[in-house]
Each structure stands twice: as structure tokens, then as C-alpha cells.
Amino acid sequence: HHLVGRICWTTVEVTAPHGEAWATAVAAEHGFTDADHTVEITGVCARCRAEGRTRAA
């Protein structure tokens, strides 16, 4: 799981143990095994926000 800055592309890896369990459960409900998933959350990071950068150049 990653947070990605839309302006500067800063990337922060985050843990989401409940997300892992949720993905496994949803996969199992639909008959899938050995499931994998990717989560990317985008937004404006604190540094860009502090600098007044709210839109990509």
C-alpha cells in the first residue's frame, strides 16, 4: 500500500493489516485463492500543501 503525492510524486509505503484481511476475504468469497492486490492512495502531501502547491505544474 502506498500514498503518492500528485504534485511531487513523493511515495510513502504504509501498512494496512485490515486491508490485507479484507482482500483475502473478498477473494475467497468469489472462489479465488492465492490472491494479491495493490492499493495506491493519491493526494497532496504536507510539504506541497505548506508550499501552496495544490496543482501539478
Protein backbone atom coordinates (compact mmCIF):
# COMPACT_ATOMS: atom_id res chain seq x y z
CA HIS A 1 0.00 0.00 0.00
CA HIS A 2 1.32 3.43 -0.92
CA LEU A 3 0.48 7.09 -0.50
CA VAL A 4 1.57 9.02 -3.60
CA GLY A 5 1.83 12.80 -3.90
CA ARG A 6 0.07 14.05 -7.03
CA ILE A 7 2.32 17.12 -7.25
CA CYS A 8 5.81 15.93 -6.29
CA TRP A 9 5.33 12.15 -6.61
CA THR A 10 6.57 11.57 -3.06
CA THR A 11 5.78 7.96 -2.16
CA VAL A 12 5.22 6.62 1.34
CA GLU A 13 4.77 2.91 1.99
CA VAL A 14 2.07 2.24 4.59
CA THR A 15 0.81 -0.90 6.28
CA ALA A 16 -2.84 -1.84 6.27
CA PRO A 17 -3.32 -5.16 8.07
CA HIS A 18 -7.11 -4.88 7.87
CA GLY A 19 -6.83 -4.26 4.14
CA GLU A 20 -4.90 -7.49 3.68
CA ALA A 21 -7.56 -9.48 5.54
CA TRP A 22 -10.35 -7.75 3.59
CA ALA A 23 -8.75 -8.52 0.21
CA THR A 24 -8.22 -12.17 1.15
CA ALA A 25 -11.82 -12.49 2.38
CA VAL A 26 -13.31 -10.89 -0.75
CA ALA A 27 -11.21 -13.11 -2.98
CA ALA A 28 -12.28 -16.22 -1.05
CA GLU A 29 -15.97 -15.23 -1.26
CA HIS A 30 -15.60 -15.34 -5.03
CA GLY A 31 -13.65 -18.60 -5.13
CA PHE A 32 -10.21 -17.06 -5.62
CA THR A 33 -7.09 -18.35 -3.88
CA ASP A 34 -3.54 -17.03 -3.71
CA ALA A 35 -4.96 -13.51 -4.04
CA ASP A 36 -2.81 -10.42 -4.36
CA HIS A 37 -3.74 -6.76 -4.57
CA THR A 38 -2.35 -3.25 -4.98
CA VAL A 39 -3.56 -0.11 -3.21
CA GLU A 40 -2.38 3.37 -4.17
CA ILE A 41 -3.85 6.42 -2.45
CA THR A 42 -3.08 9.74 -4.12
CA GLY A 43 -3.27 13.25 -2.72
CA VAL A 44 -1.33 16.44 -1.96
CA CYS A 45 1.47 15.82 0.54
CA ALA A 46 2.07 18.02 3.59
CA ARG A 47 5.16 19.66 2.08
CA CYS A 48 3.42 20.64 -1.15
CA ARG A 49 0.39 21.89 0.79
CA ALA A 50 2.65 24.00 3.07
CA GLU A 51 4.33 25.48 -0.03
CA GLY A 52 0.93 26.34 -1.51
CA ARG A 53 1.32 23.80 -4.30
CA THR A 54 -2.09 22.26 -4.85
CA ARG A 55 -1.97 21.54 -8.59
CA ALA A 56 0.58 19.90 -10.84
CA ALA A 57 2.59 22.32 -12.97
